[in-house]
């Protein structure tokens, strides 16, 4: 299975999109708002839609039928699995970092 880290420098925006969509389908503007609330920084359209395109290519997300000229997206099963794996990896990394910080 491919991993988000395969996206290289694009992995952080992709992670934010997957986390946003884990709560349910959203269109781009709603994702920008949600990511802004989660991270304190609202992604620009180029960053957002570039990451959306890469996530669609990997079948981690899929577009739903347009609603009022807005195109919502949802997480796929593969996207849910990739998100879970990445969050577990991050949890392990954070735990190791916190242990090392406590020793220092």
PDB file of N, CA and C in Angstrom:
ATOM      1  N   UNK A   1       0.841  -1.179   0.000  1.00  0.00           N
ATOM      2  CA  UNK A   1       0.000   0.000   0.000  1.00  0.00           C
ATOM      3  C   UNK A   1       0.889   1.246   0.000  1.00  0.00           C
ATOM      4  N   UNK A   2       0.528   2.207  -0.811  1.00  0.00           N
ATOM      5  CA  UNK A   2       1.260   3.471  -0.843  1.00  0.00           C
ATOM      6  C   UNK A   2       1.021   4.218   0.467  1.00  0.00           C
ATOM      7  N   UNK A   3       1.936   5.121   0.785  1.00  0.00           N
ATOM      8  CA  UNK A   3       1.825   5.898   2.015  1.00  0.00           C
ATOM      9  C   UNK A   3       1.805   7.370   1.680  1.00  0.00           C
ATOM     10  N   UNK A   4       1.301   8.167   2.608  1.00  0.00           N
ATOM     11  CA  UNK A   4       1.284   9.609   2.398  1.00  0.00           C
ATOM     12  C   UNK A   4       2.685  10.163   2.251  1.00  0.00           C
ATOM     13  N   UNK A   5       3.655   9.557   2.907  1.00  0.00           N
ATOM     14  CA  UNK A   5       5.020  10.051   2.806  1.00  0.00           C
ATOM     15  C   UNK A   5       5.549   9.917   1.378  1.00  0.00           C
ATOM     16  N   UNK A   6       4.921   9.071   0.558  1.00  0.00           N
ATOM     17  CA  UNK A   6       5.297   8.955  -0.847  1.00  0.00           C
ATOM     18  C   UNK A   6       5.041  10.264  -1.600  1.00  0.00           C
ATOM     19  N   UNK A   7       4.238  11.132  -1.027  1.00  0.00           N
ATOM     20  CA  UNK A   7       3.935  12.408  -1.661  1.00  0.00           C
ATOM     21  C   UNK A   7       5.035  13.446  -1.429  1.00  0.00           C
ATOM     22  N   UNK A   8       6.049  13.090  -0.648  1.00  0.00           N
ATOM     23  CA  UNK A   8       7.156  14.002  -0.385  1.00  0.00           C
ATOM     24  C   UNK A   8       6.707  15.274   0.289  1.00  0.00           C
ATOM     25  N   UNK A   9       7.139  16.412  -0.239  1.00  0.00           N
ATOM     26  CA  UNK A   9       6.823  17.691   0.394  1.00  0.00           C
ATOM     27  C   UNK A   9       5.340  18.021   0.346  1.00  0.00           C
ATOM     28  N   UNK A  10       4.575  17.255  -0.409  1.00  0.00           N
ATOM     29  CA  UNK A  10       3.135  17.478  -0.497  1.00  0.00           C
ATOM     30  C   UNK A  10       2.348  16.695   0.538  1.00  0.00           C
ATOM     31  N   UNK A  11       3.032  15.964   1.417  1.00  0.00           N
ATOM     32  CA  UNK A  11       2.323  15.078   2.330  1.00  0.00           C
ATOM     33  C   UNK A  11       1.536  15.832   3.399  1.00  0.00           C
ATOM     34  N   UNK A  12       2.003  16.996   3.843  1.00  0.00           N
ATOM     35  CA  UNK A  12       1.282  17.715   4.889  1.00  0.00           C
ATOM     36  C   UNK A  12      -0.080  18.228   4.410  1.00  0.00           C
ATOM     37  N   UNK A  13      -0.177  18.899   3.256  1.00  0.00           N
ATOM     38  CA  UNK A  13      -1.514  19.293   2.793  1.00  0.00           C
ATOM     39  C   UNK A  13      -2.431  18.088   2.572  1.00  0.00           C
ATOM     40  N   UNK A  14      -1.874  16.995   2.060  1.00  0.00           N
ATOM     41  CA  UNK A  14      -2.673  15.788   1.851  1.00  0.00           C
ATOM     42  C   UNK A  14      -3.196  15.250   3.176  1.00  0.00           C
ATOM     43  N   UNK A  15      -2.344  15.229   4.176  1.00  0.00           N
ATOM     44  CA  UNK A  15      -2.761  14.771   5.500  1.00  0.00           C
ATOM     45  C   UNK A  15      -3.893  15.636   6.031  1.00  0.00           C
ATOM     46  N   UNK A  16      -3.765  16.936   5.885  1.00  0.00           N
ATOM     47  CA  UNK A  16      -4.807  17.847   6.374  1.00  0.00           C
ATOM     48  C   UNK A  16      -6.135  17.607   5.656  1.00  0.00           C
ATOM     49  N   UNK A  17      -6.084  17.357   4.360  1.00  0.00           N
ATOM     50  CA  UNK A  17      -7.304  17.076   3.602  1.00  0.00           C
ATOM     51  C   UNK A  17      -7.941  15.780   4.081  1.00  0.00           C
ATOM     52  N   UNK A  18      -7.149  14.742   4.256  1.00  0.00           N
ATOM     53  CA  UNK A  18      -7.695  13.459   4.708  1.00  0.00           C
ATOM     54  C   UNK A  18      -8.321  13.593   6.094  1.00  0.00           C
ATOM     55  N   UNK A  19      -7.667  14.322   6.978  1.00  0.00           N
ATOM     56  CA  UNK A  19      -8.233  14.532   8.317  1.00  0.00           C
ATOM     57  C   UNK A  19      -9.546  15.292   8.209  1.00  0.00           C
ATOM     58  N   UNK A  20      -9.597  16.305   7.364  1.00  0.00           N
ATOM     59  CA  UNK A  20     -10.827  17.064   7.178  1.00  0.00           C
ATOM     60  C   UNK A  20     -11.955  16.178   6.661  1.00  0.00           C
ATOM     61  N   UNK A  21     -11.647  15.352   5.670  1.00  0.00           N
ATOM     62  CA  UNK A  21     -12.673  14.494   5.077  1.00  0.00           C
ATOM     63  C   UNK A  21     -13.053  13.310   5.975  1.00  0.00           C
ATOM     64  N   UNK A  22     -12.246  13.007   6.974  1.00  0.00           N
ATOM     65  CA  UNK A  22     -12.596  11.920   7.899  1.00  0.00           C
ATOM     66  C   UNK A  22     -13.888  12.247   8.646  1.00  0.00           C
ATOM     67  N   UNK A  23     -14.211  13.522   8.759  1.00  0.00           N
ATOM     68  CA  UNK A  23     -15.451  13.938   9.435  1.00  0.00           C
ATOM     69  C   UNK A  23     -16.660  13.888   8.500  1.00  0.00           C
ATOM     70  N   UNK A  24     -16.421  13.667   7.207  1.00  0.00           N
ATOM     71  CA  UNK A  24     -17.511  13.605   6.239  1.00  0.00           C
ATOM     72  C   UNK A  24     -17.164  14.384   4.984  1.00  0.00           C
ATOM     73  N   UNK A  25     -17.958  14.196   3.913  1.00  0.00           N
ATOM     74  CA  UNK A  25     -17.678  14.861   2.640  1.00  0.00           C
ATOM     75  C   UNK A  25     -17.692  16.385   2.772  1.00  0.00           C
ATOM     76  N   UNK A  26     -16.824  17.023   1.985  1.00  0.00           N
ATOM     77  CA  UNK A  26     -16.750  18.487   1.969  1.00  0.00           C
ATOM     78  C   UNK A  26     -16.310  18.941   0.587  1.00  0.00           C
ATOM     79  N   UNK A  27     -16.703  20.141   0.224  1.00  0.00           N
ATOM     80  CA  UNK A  27     -16.188  20.777  -0.991  1.00  0.00           C
ATOM     81  C   UNK A  27     -14.940  21.570  -0.615  1.00  0.00           C
ATOM     82  N   UNK A  28     -14.238  22.073  -1.613  1.00  0.00           N
ATOM     83  CA  UNK A  28     -12.952  22.724  -1.392  1.00  0.00           C
ATOM     84  C   UNK A  28     -12.970  23.861  -0.385  1.00  0.00           C
ATOM     85  N   UNK A  29     -13.941  24.765  -0.515  1.00  0.00           N
ATOM     86  CA  UNK A  29     -13.980  25.919   0.387  1.00  0.00           C
ATOM     87  C   UNK A  29     -14.199  25.461   1.830  1.00  0.00           C
ATOM     88  N   UNK A  30     -15.070  24.467   2.031  1.00  0.00           N
ATOM     89  CA  UNK A  30     -15.313  23.942   3.381  1.00  0.00           C
ATOM     90  C   UNK A  30     -14.059  23.259   3.934  1.00  0.00           C
ATOM     91  N   UNK A  31     -13.305  22.577   3.057  1.00  0.00           N
ATOM     92  CA  UNK A  31     -12.051  21.972   3.504  1.00  0.00           C
ATOM     93  C   UNK A  31     -11.057  23.051   3.923  1.00  0.00           C
ATOM     94  N   UNK A  32     -10.959  24.123   3.136  1.00  0.00           N
ATOM     95  CA  UNK A  32     -10.048  25.222   3.488  1.00  0.00           C
ATOM     96  C   UNK A  32     -10.392  25.775   4.872  1.00  0.00           C
ATOM     97  N   UNK A  33     -11.670  25.989   5.131  1.00  0.00           N
ATOM     98  CA  UNK A  33     -12.096  26.506   6.436  1.00  0.00           C
ATOM     99  C   UNK A  33     -11.773  25.520   7.555  1.00  0.00           C
ATOM    100  N   UNK A  34     -12.081  24.246   7.324  1.00  0.00           N
ATOM    101  CA  UNK A  34     -11.839  23.221   8.344  1.00  0.00           C
ATOM    102  C   UNK A  34     -10.344  23.091   8.643  1.00  0.00           C
ATOM    103  N   UNK A  35      -9.534  23.052   7.606  1.00  0.00           N
ATOM    104  CA  UNK A  35      -8.084  22.942   7.788  1.00  0.00           C
ATOM    105  C   UNK A  35      -7.558  24.176   8.507  1.00  0.00           C
ATOM    106  N   UNK A  36      -8.093  25.338   8.169  1.00  0.00           N
ATOM    107  CA  UNK A  36      -7.707  26.563   8.869  1.00  0.00           C
ATOM    108  C   UNK A  36      -8.001  26.486  10.352  1.00  0.00           C
ATOM    109  N   UNK A  37      -9.154  25.936  10.708  1.00  0.00           N
ATOM    110  CA  UNK A  37      -9.503  25.769  12.123  1.00  0.00           C
ATOM    111  C   UNK A  37      -8.590  24.759  12.806  1.00  0.00           C
ATOM    112  N   UNK A  38      -8.251  23.682  12.102  1.00  0.00           N
ATOM    113  CA  UNK A  38      -7.416  22.627  12.681  1.00  0.00           C
ATOM    114  C   UNK A  38      -5.964  23.058  12.867  1.00  0.00           C
ATOM    115  N   UNK A  39      -5.446  23.816  11.899  1.00  0.00           N
ATOM    116  CA  UNK A  39      -4.011  24.095  11.885  1.00  0.00           C
ATOM    117  C   UNK A  39      -3.648  25.551  12.149  1.00  0.00           C
ATOM    118  N   UNK A  40      -4.615  26.437  12.051  1.00  0.00           N
ATOM    119  CA  UNK A  40      -4.340  27.856  12.202  1.00  0.00           C
ATOM    120  C   UNK A  40      -3.880  28.505  10.911  1.00  0.00           C
ATOM    121  N   UNK A  41      -3.805  27.748   9.837  1.00  0.00           N
ATOM    122  CA  UNK A  41      -3.389  28.280   8.536  1.00  0.00           C
ATOM    123  C   UNK A  41      -4.281  27.698   7.452  1.00  0.00           C
ATOM    124  N   UNK A  42      -5.008  28.554   6.791  1.00  0.00           N
ATOM    125  CA  UNK A  42      -5.923  28.138   5.717  1.00  0.00           C
ATOM    126  C   UNK A  42      -5.114  27.949   4.431  1.00  0.00           C
ATOM    127  N   UNK A  43      -5.173  26.766   3.808  1.00  0.00           N
ATOM    128  CA  UNK A  43      -4.392  26.559   2.586  1.00  0.00           C
ATOM    129  C   UNK A  43      -4.944  27.373   1.421  1.00  0.00           C
ATOM    130  N   UNK A  44      -4.060  27.805   0.551  1.00  0.00           N
ATOM    131  CA  UNK A  44      -4.488  28.506  -0.654  1.00  0.00           C
ATOM    132  C   UNK A  44      -5.070  27.529  -1.656  1.00  0.00           C
ATOM    133  N   UNK A  45      -5.789  28.048  -2.644  1.00  0.00           N
ATOM    134  CA  UNK A  45      -6.422  27.168  -3.634  1.00  0.00           C
ATOM    135  C   UNK A  45      -5.423  26.292  -4.394  1.00  0.00           C
ATOM    136  N   UNK A  46      -4.263  26.825  -4.754  1.00  0.00           N
ATOM    137  CA  UNK A  46      -3.284  26.022  -5.491  1.00  0.00           C
ATOM    138  C   UNK A  46      -2.793  24.840  -4.683  1.00  0.00           C
ATOM    139  N   UNK A  47      -2.495  25.085  -3.414  1.00  0.00           N
ATOM    140  CA  UNK A  47      -2.049  24.011  -2.519  1.00  0.00           C
ATOM    141  C   UNK A  47      -3.164  22.989  -2.334  1.00  0.00           C
ATOM    142  N   UNK A  48      -4.370  23.469  -2.060  1.00  0.00           N
ATOM    143  CA  UNK A  48      -5.498  22.579  -1.800  1.00  0.00           C
ATOM    144  C   UNK A  48      -5.817  21.708  -3.011  1.00  0.00           C
ATOM    145  N   UNK A  49      -6.031  22.346  -4.163  1.00  0.00           N
ATOM    146  CA  UNK A  49      -6.469  21.577  -5.326  1.00  0.00           C
ATOM    147  C   UNK A  49      -5.353  20.729  -5.925  1.00  0.00           C
ATOM    148  N   UNK A  50      -4.101  21.132  -5.743  1.00  0.00           N
ATOM    149  CA  UNK A  50      -2.993  20.269  -6.146  1.00  0.00           C
ATOM    150  C   UNK A  50      -2.971  18.993  -5.318  1.00  0.00           C
ATOM    151  N   UNK A  51      -3.166  19.138  -4.010  1.00  0.00           N
ATOM    152  CA  UNK A  51      -3.192  17.967  -3.127  1.00  0.00           C
ATOM    153  C   UNK A  51      -4.424  17.107  -3.403  1.00  0.00           C
ATOM    154  N   UNK A  52      -5.557  17.739  -3.658  1.00  0.00           N
ATOM    155  CA  UNK A  52      -6.777  16.983  -3.995  1.00  0.00           C
ATOM    156  C   UNK A  52      -6.524  16.131  -5.236  1.00  0.00           C
ATOM    157  N   UNK A  53      -5.904  16.720  -6.253  1.00  0.00           N
ATOM    158  CA  UNK A  53      -5.627  15.977  -7.487  1.00  0.00           C
ATOM    159  C   UNK A  53      -4.742  14.764  -7.200  1.00  0.00           C
ATOM    160  N   UNK A  54      -3.676  14.960  -6.406  1.00  0.00           N
ATOM    161  CA  UNK A  54      -2.778  13.846  -6.084  1.00  0.00           C
ATOM    162  C   UNK A  54      -3.494  12.770  -5.262  1.00  0.00           C
ATOM    163  N   UNK A  55      -4.363  13.171  -4.355  1.00  0.00           N
ATOM    164  CA  UNK A  55      -5.113  12.197  -3.550  1.00  0.00           C
ATOM    165  C   UNK A  55      -6.116  11.430  -4.413  1.00  0.00           C
ATOM    166  N   UNK A  56      -6.739  12.118  -5.374  1.00  0.00           N
ATOM    167  CA  UNK A  56      -7.649  11.423  -6.298  1.00  0.00           C
ATOM    168  C   UNK A  56      -6.881  10.421  -7.160  1.00  0.00           C
ATOM    169  N   UNK A  57      -5.699  10.798  -7.625  1.00  0.00           N
ATOM    170  CA  UNK A  57      -4.885   9.889  -8.443  1.00  0.00           C
ATOM    171  C   UNK A  57      -4.538   8.616  -7.689  1.00  0.00           C
ATOM    172  N   UNK A  58      -4.380   8.709  -6.388  1.00  0.00           N
ATOM    173  CA  UNK A  58      -4.056   7.536  -5.566  1.00  0.00           C
ATOM    174  C   UNK A  58      -5.311   6.843  -5.031  1.00  0.00           C
ATOM    175  N   UNK A  59      -6.469   7.347  -5.410  1.00  0.00           N
ATOM    176  CA  UNK A  59      -7.774   6.809  -4.991  1.00  0.00           C
ATOM    177  C   UNK A  59      -7.966   6.869  -3.476  1.00  0.00           C
ATOM    178  N   UNK A  60      -7.361   7.883  -2.833  1.00  0.00           N
ATOM    179  CA  UNK A  60      -7.574   8.101  -1.398  1.00  0.00           C
ATOM    180  C   UNK A  60      -8.832   8.918  -1.150  1.00  0.00           C
ATOM    181  N   UNK A  61      -9.219   9.711  -2.149  1.00  0.00           N
ATOM    182  CA  UNK A  61     -10.469  10.463  -2.087  1.00  0.00           C
ATOM    183  C   UNK A  61     -11.161  10.336  -3.433  1.00  0.00           C
ATOM    184  N   UNK A  62     -12.459  10.628  -3.438  1.00  0.00           N
ATOM    185  CA  UNK A  62     -13.195  10.618  -4.696  1.00  0.00           C
ATOM    186  C   UNK A  62     -14.187  11.765  -4.704  1.00  0.00           C
ATOM    187  N   UNK A  63     -14.416  12.280  -5.896  1.00  0.00           N
ATOM    188  CA  UNK A  63     -15.375  13.366  -6.068  1.00  0.00           C
ATOM    189  C   UNK A  63     -16.790  12.796  -6.049  1.00  0.00           C
ATOM    190  N   UNK A  64     -17.681  13.566  -5.492  1.00  0.00           N
ATOM    191  CA  UNK A  64     -19.103  13.238  -5.494  1.00  0.00           C
ATOM    192  C   UNK A  64     -19.791  14.139  -6.519  1.00  0.00           C
ATOM    193  N   UNK A  65     -21.045  13.861  -6.859  1.00  0.00           N
ATOM    194  CA  UNK A  65     -21.748  14.738  -7.802  1.00  0.00           C
ATOM    195  C   UNK A  65     -21.811  16.184  -7.276  1.00  0.00           C
ATOM    196  N   UNK A  66     -21.707  17.124  -8.199  1.00  0.00           N
ATOM    197  CA  UNK A  66     -21.748  18.534  -7.827  1.00  0.00           C
ATOM    198  C   UNK A  66     -23.058  18.881  -7.129  1.00  0.00           C
ATOM    199  N   UNK A  67     -22.947  19.823  -6.197  1.00  0.00           N
ATOM    200  CA  UNK A  67     -24.106  20.338  -5.468  1.00  0.00           C
ATOM    201  C   UNK A  67     -24.017  21.855  -5.478  1.00  0.00           C
ATOM    202  N   UNK A  68     -24.948  22.513  -6.124  1.00  0.00           N
ATOM    203  CA  UNK A  68     -24.953  23.978  -6.189  1.00  0.00           C
ATOM    204  C   UNK A  68     -23.621  24.520  -6.681  1.00  0.00           C
ATOM    205  N   UNK A  69     -23.108  23.976  -7.769  1.00  0.00           N
ATOM    206  CA  UNK A  69     -21.844  24.375  -8.398  1.00  0.00           C
ATOM    207  C   UNK A  69     -20.623  24.091  -7.533  1.00  0.00           C
ATOM    208  N   UNK A  70     -20.781  23.312  -6.490  1.00  0.00           N
ATOM    209  CA  UNK A  70     -19.652  22.918  -5.641  1.00  0.00           C
ATOM    210  C   UNK A  70     -19.423  21.425  -5.795  1.00  0.00           C
ATOM    211  N   UNK A  71     -18.153  21.052  -5.804  1.00  0.00           N
ATOM    212  CA  UNK A  71     -17.787  19.646  -6.006  1.00  0.00           C
ATOM    213  C   UNK A  71     -17.293  19.072  -4.686  1.00  0.00           C
ATOM    214  N   UNK A  72     -18.121  18.292  -4.006  1.00  0.00           N
ATOM    215  CA  UNK A  72     -17.662  17.687  -2.749  1.00  0.00           C
ATOM    216  C   UNK A  72     -16.795  16.456  -3.000  1.00  0.00           C
ATOM    217  N   UNK A  73     -15.991  16.145  -2.010  1.00  0.00           N
ATOM    218  CA  UNK A  73     -15.112  14.977  -2.042  1.00  0.00           C
ATOM    219  C   UNK A  73     -15.355  14.161  -0.788  1.00  0.00           C
ATOM    220  N   UNK A  74     -15.047  12.878  -0.893  1.00  0.00           N
ATOM    221  CA  UNK A  74     -15.135  12.022   0.294  1.00  0.00           C
ATOM    222  C   UNK A  74     -13.932  11.107   0.344  1.00  0.00           C
ATOM    223  N   UNK A  75     -13.670  10.647   1.544  1.00  0.00           N
ATOM    224  CA  UNK A  75     -12.588   9.714   1.810  1.00  0.00           C
ATOM    225  C   UNK A  75     -12.996   8.333   1.295  1.00  0.00           C
ATOM    226  N   UNK A  76     -12.081   7.628   0.660  1.00  0.00           N
ATOM    227  CA  UNK A  76     -12.333   6.246   0.248  1.00  0.00           C
ATOM    228  C   UNK A  76     -11.808   5.310   1.340  1.00  0.00           C
ATOM    229  N   UNK A  77     -12.079   4.031   1.188  1.00  0.00           N
ATOM    230  CA  UNK A  77     -11.541   3.053   2.147  1.00  0.00           C
ATOM    231  C   UNK A  77     -10.017   3.072   2.134  1.00  0.00           C
ATOM    232  N   UNK A  78      -9.436   3.205   0.935  1.00  0.00           N
ATOM    233  CA  UNK A  78      -7.969   3.270   0.837  1.00  0.00           C
ATOM    234  C   UNK A  78      -7.450   4.533   1.523  1.00  0.00           C
ATOM    235  N   UNK A  79      -8.165   5.630   1.383  1.00  0.00           N
ATOM    236  CA  UNK A  79      -7.770   6.873   2.045  1.00  0.00           C
ATOM    237  C   UNK A  79      -7.871   6.777   3.548  1.00  0.00           C
ATOM    238  N   UNK A  80      -8.918   6.128   4.024  1.00  0.00           N
ATOM    239  CA  UNK A  80      -9.088   5.925   5.467  1.00  0.00           C
ATOM    240  C   UNK A  80      -7.949   5.073   6.021  1.00  0.00           C
ATOM    241  N   UNK A  81      -7.565   4.027   5.287  1.00  0.00           N
ATOM    242  CA  UNK A  81      -6.465   3.163   5.726  1.00  0.00           C
ATOM    243  C   UNK A  81      -5.138   3.925   5.714  1.00  0.00           C
ATOM    244  N   UNK A  82      -4.896   4.717   4.665  1.00  0.00           N
ATOM    245  CA  UNK A  82      -3.655   5.494   4.584  1.00  0.00           C
ATOM    246  C   UNK A  82      -3.592   6.525   5.704  1.00  0.00           C
ATOM    247  N   UNK A  83      -4.712   7.169   5.984  1.00  0.00           N
ATOM    248  CA  UNK A  83      -4.755   8.151   7.067  1.00  0.00           C
ATOM    249  C   UNK A  83      -4.481   7.477   8.406  1.00  0.00           C
ATOM    250  N   UNK A  84      -5.119   6.349   8.656  1.00  0.00           N
ATOM    251  CA  UNK A  84      -4.890   5.629   9.908  1.00  0.00           C
ATOM    252  C   UNK A  84      -3.435   5.221  10.082  1.00  0.00           C
ATOM    253  N   UNK A  85      -2.829   4.725   8.997  1.00  0.00           N
ATOM    254  CA  UNK A  85      -1.422   4.312   9.061  1.00  0.00           C
ATOM    255  C   UNK A  85      -0.512   5.510   9.329  1.00  0.00           C
ATOM    256  N   UNK A  86      -0.784   6.628   8.681  1.00  0.00           N
ATOM    257  CA  UNK A  86       0.053   7.814   8.880  1.00  0.00           C
ATOM    258  C   UNK A  86      -0.102   8.369  10.296  1.00  0.00           C
ATOM    259  N   UNK A  87      -1.310   8.383  10.813  1.00  0.00           N
ATOM    260  CA  UNK A  87      -1.515   8.877  12.177  1.00  0.00           C
ATOM    261  C   UNK A  87      -0.857   7.954  13.199  1.00  0.00           C
ATOM    262  N   UNK A  88      -0.875   6.651  12.964  1.00  0.00           N
ATOM    263  CA  UNK A  88      -0.175   5.712  13.851  1.00  0.00           C
ATOM    264  C   UNK A  88       1.327   5.959  13.799  1.00  0.00           C
ATOM    265  N   UNK A  89       1.873   6.181  12.594  1.00  0.00           N
ATOM    266  CA  UNK A  89       3.293   6.468  12.442  1.00  0.00           C
ATOM    267  C   UNK A  89       3.653   7.739  13.197  1.00  0.00           C
ATOM    268  N   UNK A  90       2.817   8.747  13.071  1.00  0.00           N
ATOM    269  CA  UNK A  90       3.068  10.016  13.757  1.00  0.00           C
ATOM    270  C   UNK A  90       2.965   9.858  15.272  1.00  0.00           C
ATOM    271  N   UNK A  91       2.022   9.044  15.721  1.00  0.00           N
ATOM    272  CA  UNK A  91       1.873   8.799  17.160  1.00  0.00           C
ATOM    273  C   UNK A  91       3.134   8.165  17.726  1.00  0.00           C
ATOM    274  N   UNK A  92       3.667   7.178  17.006  1.00  0.00           N
ATOM    275  CA  UNK A  92       4.893   6.504  17.441  1.00  0.00           C
ATOM    276  C   UNK A  92       6.069   7.474  17.460  1.00  0.00           C
ATOM    277  N   UNK A  93       6.185   8.272  16.420  1.00  0.00           N
ATOM    278  CA  UNK A  93       7.258   9.262  16.350  1.00  0.00           C
ATOM    279  C   UNK A  93       7.141  10.270  17.493  1.00  0.00           C
ATOM    280  N   UNK A  94       5.929  10.743  17.760  1.00  0.00           N
ATOM    281  CA  UNK A  94       5.722  11.708  18.842  1.00  0.00           C
ATOM    282  C   UNK A  94       6.059  11.083  20.200  1.00  0.00           C
ATOM    283  N   UNK A  95       5.659   9.841  20.418  1.00  0.00           N
ATOM    284  CA  UNK A  95       5.955   9.174  21.685  1.00  0.00           C
ATOM    285  C   UNK A  95       7.462   9.045  21.886  1.00  0.00           C
ATOM    286  N   UNK A  96       8.174   8.675  20.843  1.00  0.00           N
ATOM    287  CA  UNK A  96       9.631   8.567  20.935  1.00  0.00           C
ATOM    288  C   UNK A  96      10.248   9.930  21.230  1.00  0.00           C
ATOM    289  N   UNK A  97       9.795  10.944  20.530  1.00  0.00           N
ATOM    290  CA  UNK A  97      10.311  12.293  20.759  1.00  0.00           C
ATOM    291  C   UNK A  97      10.049  12.782  22.173  1.00  0.00           C
ATOM    292  N   UNK A  98       8.864  12.515  22.701  1.00  0.00           N
ATOM    293  CA  UNK A  98       8.537  12.930  24.062  1.00  0.00           C
ATOM    294  C   UNK A  98       9.377  12.186  25.089  1.00  0.00           C
ATOM    295  N   UNK A  99       9.623  10.898  24.860  1.00  0.00           N
ATOM    296  CA  UNK A  99      10.480  10.130  25.768  1.00  0.00           C
ATOM    297  C   UNK A  99      11.898  10.704  25.772  1.00  0.00           C
ATOM    298  N   UNK A 100      12.412  10.983  24.614  1.00  0.00           N
ATOM    299  CA  UNK A 100      13.765  11.528  24.512  1.00  0.00           C
ATOM    300  C   UNK A 100      13.841  12.914  25.121  1.00  0.00           C
ATOM    301  N   UNK A 101      12.828  13.705  24.967  1.00  0.00           N
ATOM    302  CA  UNK A 101      12.796  15.047  25.539  1.00  0.00           C
ATOM    303  C   UNK A 101      12.793  14.973  27.062  1.00  0.00           C
ATOM    304  N   UNK A 102      12.078  14.001  27.606  1.00  0.00           N
ATOM    305  CA  UNK A 102      11.995  13.841  29.064  1.00  0.00           C
ATOM    306  C   UNK A 102      13.346  13.443  29.649  1.00  0.00           C
ATOM    307  N   UNK A 103      14.150  12.724  28.885  1.00  0.00           N
ATOM    308  CA  UNK A 103      15.461  12.267  29.347  1.00  0.00           C
ATOM    309  C   UNK A 103      16.483  13.416  29.308  1.00  0.00           C
ATOM    310  N   UNK A 104      16.321  14.285  28.347  1.00  0.00           N
ATOM    311  CA  UNK A 104      17.312  15.363  28.146  1.00  0.00           C
ATOM    312  C   UNK A 104      17.323  16.377  29.257  1.00  0.00           C
TER     313      UNK A 104
END
